[in-house]
N, C-alpha and C. Protein backbone atom coordinates (compact mmCIF):
# COMPACT_ATOMS: atom_id res chain seq x y z
N UNK A 1 -107.18 -93.00 142.95
CA UNK A 1 -106.75 -93.04 142.10
C UNK A 1 -105.91 -91.26 141.77
N UNK A 2 -106.93 -90.39 142.08
CA UNK A 2 -107.20 -89.38 141.33
C UNK A 2 -106.15 -88.41 143.47
N UNK A 3 -106.64 -89.46 144.26
CA UNK A 3 -105.56 -88.21 145.03
C UNK A 3 -104.34 -89.43 144.53
N UNK A 4 -103.79 -89.98 144.32
CA UNK A 4 -101.96 -90.23 143.60
C UNK A 4 -101.58 -89.47 142.76
N UNK A 5 -102.49 -89.33 141.88
CA UNK A 5 -102.64 -88.35 140.35
C UNK A 5 -102.41 -86.49 140.95
N UNK A 6 -103.19 -85.83 141.84
CA UNK A 6 -103.00 -84.70 142.82
C UNK A 6 -101.62 -84.67 143.41
N UNK A 7 -101.29 -85.91 143.87
CA UNK A 7 -100.20 -86.32 144.68
C UNK A 7 -98.53 -86.36 143.78
N UNK A 8 -98.66 -86.57 142.72
CA UNK A 8 -97.78 -87.20 141.91
C UNK A 8 -97.54 -84.80 140.82
N UNK A 9 -98.59 -84.62 140.43
CA UNK A 9 -98.47 -82.91 140.04
C UNK A 9 -98.29 -82.15 140.89
N UNK A 10 -99.02 -82.48 142.51
CA UNK A 10 -98.23 -81.28 143.61
C UNK A 10 -96.56 -81.33 143.79
N UNK A 11 -96.16 -82.75 143.31
CA UNK A 11 -94.97 -83.00 143.24
C UNK A 11 -93.87 -82.37 142.06
N UNK A 12 -94.33 -82.64 141.10
CA UNK A 12 -94.13 -82.13 140.32
C UNK A 12 -94.05 -80.13 140.27
N UNK A 13 -95.01 -79.58 140.61
CA UNK A 13 -95.17 -78.34 140.02
C UNK A 13 -94.02 -77.58 141.77
N UNK A 14 -93.99 -78.11 142.33
CA UNK A 14 -92.87 -78.15 143.84
C UNK A 14 -91.61 -78.33 143.55
N UNK A 15 -90.41 -79.36 142.54
CA UNK A 15 -90.05 -79.27 141.83
C UNK A 15 -89.36 -78.39 140.72
N UNK A 16 -90.22 -78.03 139.50
CA UNK A 16 -90.15 -76.90 138.77
C UNK A 16 -90.30 -75.67 139.33
N UNK A 17 -90.78 -75.64 141.25
CA UNK A 17 -90.42 -74.25 141.71
C UNK A 17 -89.18 -73.68 142.36
N UNK A 18 -88.35 -75.34 142.55
CA UNK A 18 -87.27 -75.73 143.09
C UNK A 18 -86.46 -75.26 142.14
N UNK A 19 -86.51 -74.93 140.94
CA UNK A 19 -85.34 -75.32 139.65
C UNK A 19 -85.54 -74.19 139.13
N UNK A 20 -86.73 -73.26 139.04
CA UNK A 20 -86.93 -71.84 138.97
C UNK A 20 -86.48 -71.35 139.72
N UNK A 21 -86.03 -71.33 141.37
CA UNK A 21 -85.72 -70.71 142.06
C UNK A 21 -83.73 -70.83 141.80
N UNK A 22 -83.30 -72.03 141.10
CA UNK A 22 -81.98 -72.46 141.39
C UNK A 22 -81.15 -71.96 139.82
N UNK A 23 -82.09 -71.88 139.24
CA UNK A 23 -81.50 -70.95 138.06
C UNK A 23 -82.00 -69.17 138.02
N UNK A 24 -80.92 -68.92 137.23
CA UNK A 24 -80.58 -66.76 137.16
C UNK A 24 -82.11 -66.77 135.83
N UNK A 25 -82.17 -65.25 136.47
CA UNK A 25 -83.37 -65.13 136.35
C UNK A 25 -83.19 -64.76 134.18
N UNK A 26 -81.87 -64.80 133.82
CA UNK A 26 -81.31 -64.37 132.54
C UNK A 26 -80.69 -65.93 131.93
N UNK A 27 -81.16 -66.48 132.54
CA UNK A 27 -80.60 -68.48 132.04
C UNK A 27 -81.85 -68.71 131.76
N UNK A 28 -83.25 -68.55 132.62
CA UNK A 28 -84.59 -69.27 132.39
C UNK A 28 -85.07 -69.35 131.14
N UNK A 29 -85.32 -70.35 131.02
CA UNK A 29 -86.50 -70.37 129.71
C UNK A 29 -87.30 -69.53 129.69
N UNK A 30 -88.53 -69.59 128.62
CA UNK A 30 -89.15 -67.84 128.56
C UNK A 30 -90.38 -68.81 128.23
N UNK A 31 -90.76 -69.73 127.86
CA UNK A 31 -91.72 -71.06 127.96
C UNK A 31 -91.84 -71.95 128.62
N UNK A 32 -93.19 -72.57 128.40
CA UNK A 32 -93.15 -73.14 129.83
C UNK A 32 -92.97 -74.38 129.12
N UNK A 33 -93.43 -74.31 127.78
CA UNK A 33 -93.46 -76.34 127.38
C UNK A 33 -91.65 -75.85 127.35
N UNK A 34 -90.73 -75.06 127.24
CA UNK A 34 -89.16 -75.19 127.51
C UNK A 34 -89.14 -75.47 128.83
N UNK A 35 -89.52 -75.18 130.21
CA UNK A 35 -89.56 -75.54 131.14
C UNK A 35 -89.72 -77.13 131.02
N UNK A 36 -91.16 -78.02 130.73
CA UNK A 36 -91.08 -79.05 131.26
C UNK A 36 -89.40 -79.82 129.97
N UNK A 37 -89.21 -79.19 128.75
CA UNK A 37 -88.73 -80.28 128.78
C UNK A 37 -87.06 -80.30 129.11
N UNK A 38 -86.83 -79.21 130.09
CA UNK A 38 -85.30 -79.17 130.65
C UNK A 38 -85.46 -80.48 131.77
N UNK A 39 -86.57 -80.46 132.27
CA UNK A 39 -87.01 -81.28 134.11
C UNK A 39 -87.14 -82.80 133.41
N UNK A 40 -85.69 -83.36 134.17
CA UNK A 40 -85.78 -84.44 134.68
C UNK A 40 -86.99 -85.12 134.53
N UNK A 41 -87.20 -86.66 133.95
CA UNK A 41 -88.26 -87.84 134.14
C UNK A 41 -87.85 -88.15 135.80
N UNK A 42 -89.50 -88.05 136.80
CA UNK A 42 -88.98 -88.07 138.10
C UNK A 42 -89.16 -89.80 138.50
N UNK A 43 -88.86 -90.75 139.03
CA UNK A 43 -88.85 -91.97 139.33
C UNK A 43 -90.04 -91.68 140.15
N UNK A 44 -90.97 -92.80 139.86
CA UNK A 44 -92.27 -92.46 140.83
C UNK A 44 -92.16 -94.15 141.61
N UNK A 45 -91.54 -95.05 141.45
CA UNK A 45 -91.57 -96.05 142.10
C UNK A 45 -90.62 -95.88 142.96
N UNK A 46 -89.73 -96.49 143.76
CA UNK A 46 -88.99 -96.44 144.80
C UNK A 46 -88.00 -98.07 144.09
N UNK A 47 -86.94 -98.20 144.50
CA UNK A 47 -86.27 -98.90 143.61
C UNK A 47 -86.85 -100.28 144.15
N UNK A 48 -86.80 -101.34 143.47
CA UNK A 48 -86.31 -102.89 143.68
C UNK A 48 -85.61 -102.69 145.29
N UNK A 49 -85.74 -103.60 146.06
CA UNK A 49 -85.26 -104.39 147.10
C UNK A 49 -84.51 -105.47 146.54
N UNK A 50 -83.00 -105.73 147.29
CA UNK A 50 -82.16 -107.01 147.35
C UNK A 50 -83.21 -107.93 147.48
N UNK A 51 -82.52 -109.27 146.88
CA UNK A 51 -83.31 -110.77 147.45
C UNK A 51 -82.55 -110.97 149.00
N UNK A 52 -83.41 -111.21 149.33
CA UNK A 52 -82.83 -112.41 150.59
C UNK A 52 -82.10 -113.09 149.79
N UNK A 53 -80.27 -113.59 150.04
CA UNK A 53 -79.79 -115.00 149.18
C UNK A 53 -80.12 -115.69 150.45
N UNK A 54 -80.37 -115.92 151.76
CA UNK A 54 -80.39 -117.28 152.46
C UNK A 54 -82.27 -117.32 152.47
N UNK A 55 -82.49 -116.92 152.20
CA UNK A 55 -84.50 -117.74 152.50
C UNK A 55 -84.32 -118.59 151.83
N UNK A 56 -85.05 -119.13 152.49
CA UNK A 56 -85.98 -120.87 151.28
C UNK A 56 -86.79 -120.49 150.88
N UNK A 57 -88.31 -119.39 151.15
CA UNK A 57 -88.97 -118.77 150.72
C UNK A 57 -89.21 -118.35 149.94
N UNK A 58 -90.22 -118.64 148.86
CA UNK A 58 -90.04 -117.81 147.75
C UNK A 58 -90.19 -116.17 147.77
N UNK A 59 -90.16 -115.12 147.15
CA UNK A 59 -90.26 -114.17 147.18
C UNK A 59 -91.64 -113.53 147.32
N UNK A 60 -92.27 -114.09 146.53
CA UNK A 60 -94.07 -113.75 146.91
C UNK A 60 -94.47 -114.27 148.97
N UNK A 61 -94.03 -115.21 149.76
CA UNK A 61 -94.65 -114.78 150.44
C UNK A 61 -93.65 -113.75 151.48
N UNK A 62 -92.70 -113.60 150.93
CA UNK A 62 -91.18 -113.07 151.81
C UNK A 62 -92.54 -111.47 151.79
N UNK A 63 -92.42 -110.85 150.64
CA UNK A 63 -93.44 -109.71 150.10
C UNK A 63 -93.84 -108.92 150.97
N UNK A 64 -94.83 -109.46 151.51
CA UNK A 64 -95.94 -108.90 152.67
C UNK A 64 -95.19 -108.42 153.84
N UNK A 65 -94.25 -109.02 154.27
CA UNK A 65 -93.64 -109.30 155.78
C UNK A 65 -91.37 -108.96 155.48
N UNK A 66 -91.57 -108.23 156.86
CA UNK A 66 -89.92 -108.31 157.06
C UNK A 66 -89.46 -109.75 157.92
N UNK A 67 -90.42 -110.20 158.65
CA UNK A 67 -90.37 -111.79 158.82
C UNK A 67 -90.52 -112.89 158.27
N UNK A 68 -89.33 -114.01 158.51
CA UNK A 68 -90.17 -115.11 158.07
C UNK A 68 -91.77 -115.45 158.46
N UNK A 69 -92.41 -115.89 157.52
CA UNK A 69 -93.93 -116.01 158.04
C UNK A 69 -93.59 -117.43 159.26
N UNK A 70 -92.48 -118.18 159.65
CA UNK A 70 -93.00 -118.91 160.57
C UNK A 70 -91.81 -119.12 161.84
N UNK A 71 -91.58 -117.57 161.94
CA UNK A 71 -91.15 -117.17 162.96
C UNK A 71 -92.34 -117.50 164.35
N UNK A 72 -93.11 -116.85 164.31
CA UNK A 72 -93.77 -117.36 165.79
C UNK A 72 -95.07 -118.52 165.60
N UNK A 73 -95.05 -119.42 164.00
CA UNK A 73 -96.05 -120.45 164.16
C UNK A 73 -96.04 -121.16 165.50
N UNK A 74 -94.58 -121.93 166.24
CA UNK A 74 -94.73 -122.25 167.17
C UNK A 74 -95.80 -122.33 168.18
N UNK A 75 -94.94 -121.10 168.63
CA UNK A 75 -96.25 -120.25 169.88
C UNK A 75 -98.13 -120.25 169.01
N UNK A 76 -97.99 -119.94 168.24
CA UNK A 76 -99.21 -119.38 167.78
C UNK A 76 -100.14 -121.06 167.94
N UNK A 77 -99.08 -121.69 167.36
CA UNK A 77 -100.22 -123.41 167.45
C UNK A 77 -99.81 -123.66 169.20
N UNK A 78 -98.65 -124.09 169.15
CA UNK A 78 -98.98 -124.19 171.18
C UNK A 78 -99.77 -123.35 171.77
N UNK A 79 -100.37 -122.42 171.67
CA UNK A 79 -101.11 -121.04 172.25
C UNK A 79 -102.70 -122.33 171.54
N UNK A 80 -102.88 -122.23 170.51
CA UNK A 80 -104.17 -122.80 170.00
C UNK A 80 -104.23 -124.19 170.02
N UNK A 81 -103.29 -125.36 170.86
CA UNK A 81 -103.55 -126.52 171.36
C UNK A 81 -104.01 -126.22 172.79
N UNK A 82 -103.56 -124.74 173.44
CA UNK A 82 -103.63 -125.00 175.07
C UNK A 82 -105.39 -124.27 175.21
N UNK A 83 -104.75 -123.61 174.29
CA UNK A 83 -107.10 -123.27 174.49
C UNK A 83 -107.88 -124.27 173.75
N UNK A 84 -107.48 -124.99 173.08
CA UNK A 84 -108.57 -126.21 172.32
C UNK A 84 -108.30 -126.99 173.56
N UNK A 85 -107.49 -127.10 174.42
CA UNK A 85 -107.60 -128.36 175.95
C UNK A 85 -108.09 -127.64 176.79
N UNK A 86 -108.39 -126.50 176.58
CA UNK A 86 -109.14 -125.48 177.92
C UNK A 86 -110.62 -125.79 177.53
N UNK A 87 -111.05 -125.47 176.50
CA UNK A 87 -112.32 -125.83 175.71
C UNK A 87 -113.40 -126.77 176.61
N UNK A 88 -114.29 -126.78 176.20
CA UNK A 88 -115.86 -127.48 176.47
C UNK A 88 -115.72 -129.22 175.42
N UNK A 89 -115.09 -128.20 174.54
CA UNK A 89 -115.20 -129.84 173.04
C UNK A 89 -114.21 -130.90 173.57
N UNK A 90 -112.81 -130.24 174.71
CA UNK A 90 -112.09 -131.12 174.35
C UNK A 90 -112.26 -132.05 175.82
N UNK A 91 -113.15 -132.09 176.53
CA UNK A 91 -112.84 -132.25 177.85
C UNK A 91 -114.04 -133.91 176.93
N UNK A 92 -114.74 -133.32 176.11
CA UNK A 92 -115.68 -134.85 175.52
C UNK A 92 -114.65 -136.05 174.84
N UNK A 93 -113.52 -135.33 174.74
CA UNK A 93 -112.79 -136.52 173.91
C UNK A 93 -112.01 -136.48 175.48
N UNK A 94 -111.83 -136.15 176.59
CA UNK A 94 -111.06 -136.29 177.60
C UNK A 94 -112.15 -137.56 178.03
N UNK A 95 -113.22 -137.21 178.10
CA UNK A 95 -113.95 -138.80 178.80
C UNK A 95 -114.11 -139.67 177.76
N UNK A 96 -113.81 -139.39 176.55
CA UNK A 96 -113.52 -140.74 175.78
C UNK A 96 -112.88 -141.43 175.73
N UNK A 97 -110.94 -140.33 175.95
CA UNK A 97 -110.13 -141.90 175.87
C UNK A 97 -109.60 -141.24 177.12
N UNK A 98 -110.20 -141.53 178.60
CA UNK A 98 -109.51 -141.01 179.73
C UNK A 98 -110.76 -141.77 180.48
N UNK A 99 -111.56 -142.78 180.17
CA UNK A 99 -112.31 -142.80 180.73
C UNK A 99 -111.86 -143.38 182.49
N UNK A 100 -110.73 -144.75 182.24
CA UNK A 100 -110.41 -144.98 183.43
C UNK A 100 -109.27 -144.26 184.35
N UNK A 101 -108.34 -142.99 183.67
CA UNK A 101 -108.29 -142.38 184.78
C UNK A 101 -108.73 -141.31 185.34
N UNK A 102 -108.61 -140.78 186.38
CA UNK A 102 -109.47 -139.75 186.77
C UNK A 102 -108.90 -138.89 187.10
N UNK A 103 -109.21 -137.65 185.44
CA UNK A 103 -108.54 -136.74 185.74
C UNK A 103 -109.51 -135.69 186.34
N UNK A 104 -108.41 -134.88 187.15
CA UNK A 104 -109.87 -133.80 187.65
C UNK A 104 -109.72 -132.40 186.91
N UNK A 105 -110.65 -132.52 186.17
CA UNK A 105 -110.66 -131.25 184.73
C UNK A 105 -110.00 -129.75 185.49
N UNK A 106 -110.45 -129.33 187.34
CA UNK A 106 -110.29 -127.78 187.21
C UNK A 106 -108.37 -128.07 187.11
N UNK A 107 -107.77 -129.13 187.85
CA UNK A 107 -106.25 -129.09 188.38
C UNK A 107 -105.84 -129.03 186.60
N UNK A 108 -106.36 -129.50 186.17
CA UNK A 108 -105.61 -129.83 184.39
C UNK A 108 -106.03 -128.34 183.37
N UNK A 109 -106.53 -127.91 184.10
CA UNK A 109 -106.91 -126.03 183.27
C UNK A 109 -105.61 -125.20 184.08
N UNK A 110 -105.63 -125.96 185.62
CA UNK A 110 -104.60 -125.16 185.62
C UNK A 110 -102.52 -124.97 185.90
N UNK A 111 -102.90 -126.60 185.41
CA UNK A 111 -101.80 -127.36 184.93
C UNK A 111 -101.24 -125.85 183.09
N UNK A 112 -102.24 -126.16 182.75
CA UNK A 112 -102.57 -125.78 181.37
C UNK A 112 -102.22 -124.06 181.22
N UNK A 113 -102.78 -123.71 182.09
CA UNK A 113 -102.36 -122.72 182.25
C UNK A 113 -100.81 -122.09 182.92
N UNK A 114 -100.67 -122.58 183.42
CA UNK A 114 -99.49 -122.85 184.04
C UNK A 114 -98.31 -122.94 183.18
N UNK A 115 -98.52 -123.79 182.09
CA UNK A 115 -97.43 -124.12 180.79
C UNK A 115 -97.44 -123.22 179.48
N UNK A 116 -98.65 -122.52 179.36
CA UNK A 116 -99.03 -121.27 178.53
C UNK A 116 -98.28 -120.29 178.08
N UNK A 117 -97.54 -119.45 178.96
CA UNK A 117 -96.37 -118.65 179.01
C UNK A 117 -95.75 -119.33 178.19
N UNK A 118 -94.80 -120.04 178.63
CA UNK A 118 -93.14 -120.51 178.63
C UNK A 118 -93.64 -121.50 176.94
N UNK A 119 -94.55 -121.36 176.48
CA UNK A 119 -93.91 -121.59 174.51
C UNK A 119 -92.86 -120.62 174.29
N UNK A 120 -91.94 -120.85 174.15
CA UNK A 120 -91.28 -120.22 173.10
C UNK A 120 -90.37 -121.10 171.89
N UNK A 121 -90.15 -121.93 171.52
CA UNK A 121 -89.55 -122.94 170.65
C UNK A 121 -90.31 -124.44 170.28
N UNK A 122 -89.25 -125.12 169.37
CA UNK A 122 -89.39 -126.26 169.05
C UNK A 122 -89.32 -127.27 170.41
N UNK A 123 -88.33 -127.09 170.95
CA UNK A 123 -87.75 -127.74 171.97
C UNK A 123 -88.37 -127.61 173.12
N UNK A 124 -88.67 -126.00 173.55
CA UNK A 124 -89.67 -125.90 174.68
C UNK A 124 -91.25 -126.94 174.53
N UNK A 125 -91.35 -126.86 172.95
CA UNK A 125 -92.83 -127.35 172.97
C UNK A 125 -92.74 -128.62 173.16
N UNK A 126 -91.88 -129.50 172.36
CA UNK A 126 -91.70 -131.01 172.25
C UNK A 126 -91.94 -131.47 173.94
N UNK A 127 -90.95 -130.29 174.76
CA UNK A 127 -90.45 -130.73 176.52
C UNK A 127 -91.91 -130.89 177.25
N UNK A 128 -93.24 -130.26 176.55
CA UNK A 128 -94.74 -130.38 177.31
C UNK A 128 -95.23 -131.63 177.12
N UNK A 129 -94.78 -132.88 175.97
CA UNK A 129 -95.21 -133.74 175.62
C UNK A 129 -94.44 -135.16 176.05
N UNK A 130 -93.46 -134.47 176.85
CA UNK A 130 -91.79 -135.52 176.96
C UNK A 130 -92.06 -136.10 178.59
N UNK A 131 -92.27 -137.43 179.21
CA UNK A 131 -92.73 -137.43 180.05
C UNK A 131 -90.76 -137.95 180.62
N UNK A 132 -90.90 -137.43 181.56
CA UNK A 132 -89.41 -137.62 182.20
C UNK A 132 -90.22 -138.42 183.41
N UNK A 133 -88.28 -139.23 184.12
CA UNK A 133 -88.72 -140.03 185.14
C UNK A 133 -89.33 -139.02 186.61
N UNK A 134 -88.66 -138.08 186.14
CA UNK A 134 -88.87 -136.65 187.51
C UNK A 134 -90.14 -136.58 187.57
N UNK A 135 -91.26 -136.69 186.96
CA UNK A 135 -92.32 -135.90 186.85
C UNK A 135 -93.35 -137.71 187.67
N UNK A 136 -94.48 -136.40 188.24
CA UNK A 136 -95.20 -137.04 189.12
C UNK A 136 -96.24 -138.01 188.40
N UNK A 137 -96.89 -138.91 188.92
CA UNK A 137 -98.19 -139.95 188.12
C UNK A 137 -99.68 -138.74 187.44
N UNK A 138 -99.49 -137.44 188.42
CA UNK A 138 -100.64 -136.81 187.96
C UNK A 138 -99.99 -136.05 186.95
N UNK A 139 -98.45 -135.08 186.74
CA UNK A 139 -98.06 -134.66 185.68
C UNK A 139 -98.12 -135.76 184.76
N UNK A 140 -97.68 -136.90 184.45
CA UNK A 140 -97.34 -137.83 183.42
C UNK A 140 -98.53 -137.53 183.15
N UNK A 141 -99.93 -138.23 183.50
CA UNK A 141 -101.23 -138.09 183.51
C UNK A 141 -101.57 -136.88 182.31
N UNK A 142 -101.21 -135.84 182.75
CA UNK A 142 -101.10 -134.32 182.33
C UNK A 142 -100.89 -135.09 180.74
N UNK A 143 -99.32 -134.77 180.91
CA UNK A 143 -98.30 -134.94 179.39
C UNK A 143 -99.31 -136.05 178.64
N UNK A 144 -99.83 -137.07 179.03
CA UNK A 144 -100.43 -138.40 178.43
C UNK A 144 -101.66 -137.10 177.67
N UNK A 145 -102.62 -136.63 178.22
CA UNK A 145 -103.67 -136.15 177.79
C UNK A 145 -103.76 -134.70 176.53
N UNK A 146 -102.69 -134.19 177.42
CA UNK A 146 -101.70 -133.25 176.32
C UNK A 146 -101.44 -133.93 174.62
N UNK A 147 -100.66 -134.35 174.99
CA UNK A 147 -100.10 -135.39 173.91
C UNK A 147 -101.45 -135.52 173.18
N UNK A 148 -102.33 -136.59 173.58
CA UNK A 148 -103.55 -137.08 172.91
C UNK A 148 -104.19 -135.60 172.21
N UNK A 149 -104.33 -134.91 173.03
CA UNK A 149 -105.31 -133.66 172.69
C UNK A 149 -104.98 -132.94 171.97
N UNK A 150 -103.22 -132.46 172.04
CA UNK A 150 -102.86 -131.96 170.65
C UNK A 150 -102.25 -132.40 169.04
N UNK A 151 -102.79 -134.23 169.41
CA UNK A 151 -103.02 -134.99 168.07
C UNK A 151 -104.12 -134.60 167.32
N UNK A 152 -105.63 -134.58 167.99
CA UNK A 152 -106.81 -134.66 167.64
C UNK A 152 -106.46 -133.06 167.38
N UNK A 153 -106.35 -132.11 168.42
CA UNK A 153 -106.25 -130.79 167.44
C UNK A 153 -105.82 -130.65 166.08
N UNK A 154 -104.17 -131.23 166.18
CA UNK A 154 -103.71 -131.27 164.63
C UNK A 154 -104.90 -131.62 163.80
N UNK A 155 -104.89 -132.48 163.90
CA UNK A 155 -105.29 -133.39 163.10
C UNK A 155 -106.32 -132.99 162.55
N UNK A 156 -107.58 -132.62 163.15
CA UNK A 156 -109.00 -132.60 162.95
C UNK A 156 -109.66 -130.68 163.21
N UNK A 157 -108.90 -130.07 163.80
CA UNK A 157 -109.69 -128.95 163.60
C UNK A 157 -108.44 -127.74 163.75
N UNK A 158 -107.17 -128.38 163.10
CA UNK A 158 -106.03 -127.03 163.46
C UNK A 158 -106.75 -126.16 161.37
N UNK A 159 -107.17 -127.05 160.47
CA UNK A 159 -107.13 -126.24 159.03
C UNK A 159 -108.39 -125.47 159.79
N UNK A 160 -109.08 -125.76 160.42
CA UNK A 160 -110.60 -124.41 160.13
C UNK A 160 -109.80 -123.64 161.28
N UNK A 161 -108.91 -123.36 162.11
CA UNK A 161 -108.14 -122.66 163.30
C UNK A 161 -107.82 -121.97 161.68
N UNK A 162 -107.18 -123.02 160.88
CA UNK A 162 -105.92 -121.69 160.03
C UNK A 162 -106.11 -120.75 158.89
N UNK A 163 -107.94 -121.33 158.62
CA UNK A 163 -108.78 -120.86 157.69
C UNK A 163 -109.23 -119.72 157.66
N UNK A 164 -109.63 -119.69 159.22
CA UNK A 164 -110.95 -118.68 159.86
C UNK A 164 -110.50 -117.93 160.49
N UNK A 165 -109.13 -118.21 161.12
CA UNK A 165 -108.07 -117.51 161.74
C UNK A 165 -108.00 -115.91 161.92
N UNK A 166 -107.09 -115.53 161.98
CA UNK A 166 -106.12 -114.33 162.18
C UNK A 166 -104.69 -114.41 161.72
N UNK A 167 -104.45 -115.65 161.05
CA UNK A 167 -102.96 -116.50 160.88
C UNK A 167 -103.20 -115.72 159.27
N UNK A 168 -101.62 -114.92 159.50
CA UNK A 168 -101.37 -114.59 157.73
C UNK A 168 -101.10 -115.30 156.63
N UNK A 169 -100.13 -116.15 156.95
CA UNK A 169 -99.04 -116.81 155.93
C UNK A 169 -99.60 -118.22 156.17
N UNK A 170 -101.52 -118.25 155.70
CA UNK A 170 -102.40 -119.96 155.58
C UNK A 170 -101.54 -121.07 154.97
N UNK A 171 -101.26 -120.44 153.98
CA UNK A 171 -100.26 -121.80 153.32
C UNK A 171 -99.37 -121.71 154.04
N UNK A 172 -98.25 -121.80 154.33
CA UNK A 172 -97.27 -122.12 155.47
C UNK A 172 -97.63 -122.57 156.42
N UNK A 173 -98.45 -121.88 157.15
CA UNK A 173 -99.24 -122.93 157.72
C UNK A 173 -99.85 -124.17 158.00
N UNK A 174 -100.26 -124.43 157.23
CA UNK A 174 -101.00 -125.59 156.28
C UNK A 174 -99.55 -126.75 156.09
N UNK A 175 -99.14 -125.84 155.52
CA UNK A 175 -97.56 -126.65 154.98
C UNK A 175 -96.53 -126.81 156.16
N UNK A 176 -96.57 -126.76 157.38
CA UNK A 176 -95.73 -127.60 158.29
C UNK A 176 -96.89 -127.63 159.42
N UNK A 177 -98.06 -128.12 159.27
CA UNK A 177 -99.45 -128.62 160.18
C UNK A 177 -98.25 -130.22 160.51
N UNK A 178 -98.10 -130.91 159.35
CA UNK A 178 -97.51 -132.13 159.85
C UNK A 178 -96.40 -132.35 160.36
N UNK A 179 -95.39 -131.78 160.04
CA UNK A 179 -94.14 -131.37 161.25
C UNK A 179 -94.45 -131.31 162.60
N UNK A 180 -95.67 -130.29 162.57
CA UNK A 180 -95.91 -130.17 164.19
C UNK A 180 -96.56 -131.75 165.13
N UNK A 181 -97.24 -131.93 164.20
CA UNK A 181 -98.26 -133.25 164.20
C UNK A 181 -96.89 -134.58 164.56
N UNK A 182 -95.94 -134.52 163.86
CA UNK A 182 -95.14 -135.32 164.55
C UNK A 182 -94.63 -135.39 165.34
N UNK A 183 -93.95 -133.74 165.65
CA UNK A 183 -93.12 -133.39 167.08
C UNK A 183 -94.09 -133.58 168.08
N UNK A 184 -95.74 -133.66 168.18
CA UNK A 184 -96.03 -134.01 168.86
C UNK A 184 -96.12 -136.01 169.22
N UNK A 185 -96.48 -135.76 168.22
CA UNK A 185 -96.25 -137.62 168.51
C UNK A 185 -94.93 -138.11 168.86
N UNK A 186 -94.23 -137.94 168.38
CA UNK A 186 -92.94 -138.78 168.32
C UNK A 186 -91.93 -137.49 168.58
N UNK A 187 -91.62 -137.21 169.78
CA UNK A 187 -90.91 -135.95 170.13
C UNK A 187 -89.32 -136.05 170.24
N UNK A 188 -89.01 -135.44 169.56
CA UNK A 188 -87.15 -135.76 169.24
C UNK A 188 -86.37 -136.26 170.19
N UNK A 189 -86.63 -135.21 171.45
CA UNK A 189 -85.82 -135.64 172.92
C UNK A 189 -86.05 -136.46 173.51
N UNK A 190 -87.12 -137.32 173.09
CA UNK A 190 -87.31 -138.87 173.90
C UNK A 190 -86.55 -140.07 173.07
N UNK A 191 -86.22 -139.79 172.30
CA UNK A 191 -85.71 -140.88 171.44
C UNK A 191 -84.34 -141.09 171.59
């Protein structure tokens, strides 16, 4: 606080010097109290910013940043799902749910490493879970595994990731969690 007071005092002294240099000696006030009386009060705070007309978010959420809190949300969720899918914890879920299928984990991890940099938006994100007719049997199996691991992450691990990670807008991420889970479970491009 003292630094702010010192800064304000220095600014006022600089303004007084500028005004004294601008006023000719014959017109300058004689006493210091008259000098202070002639100084207009300076606004310390900057004027408030105009509200955004198109924003669907409250001003409290947008106060800390100039961009929407959801700008990189899909990318962040996608990277978290892919990181979870490559973890040792996910290997236990793969063994539990896909015992009958023969999944070669190193090739599955390579598949995930190839897809991870391509996360860019909702349509692209949904494309990782949609099984196409042109996909071979291995890619179909990997997409099923990734879909199941995405559901598991969103249901059981995403809250922990949100609150213990570096996410700036925790409440917004928490509110969109269900919508992203629905995109994973039922991609809209497939219907």
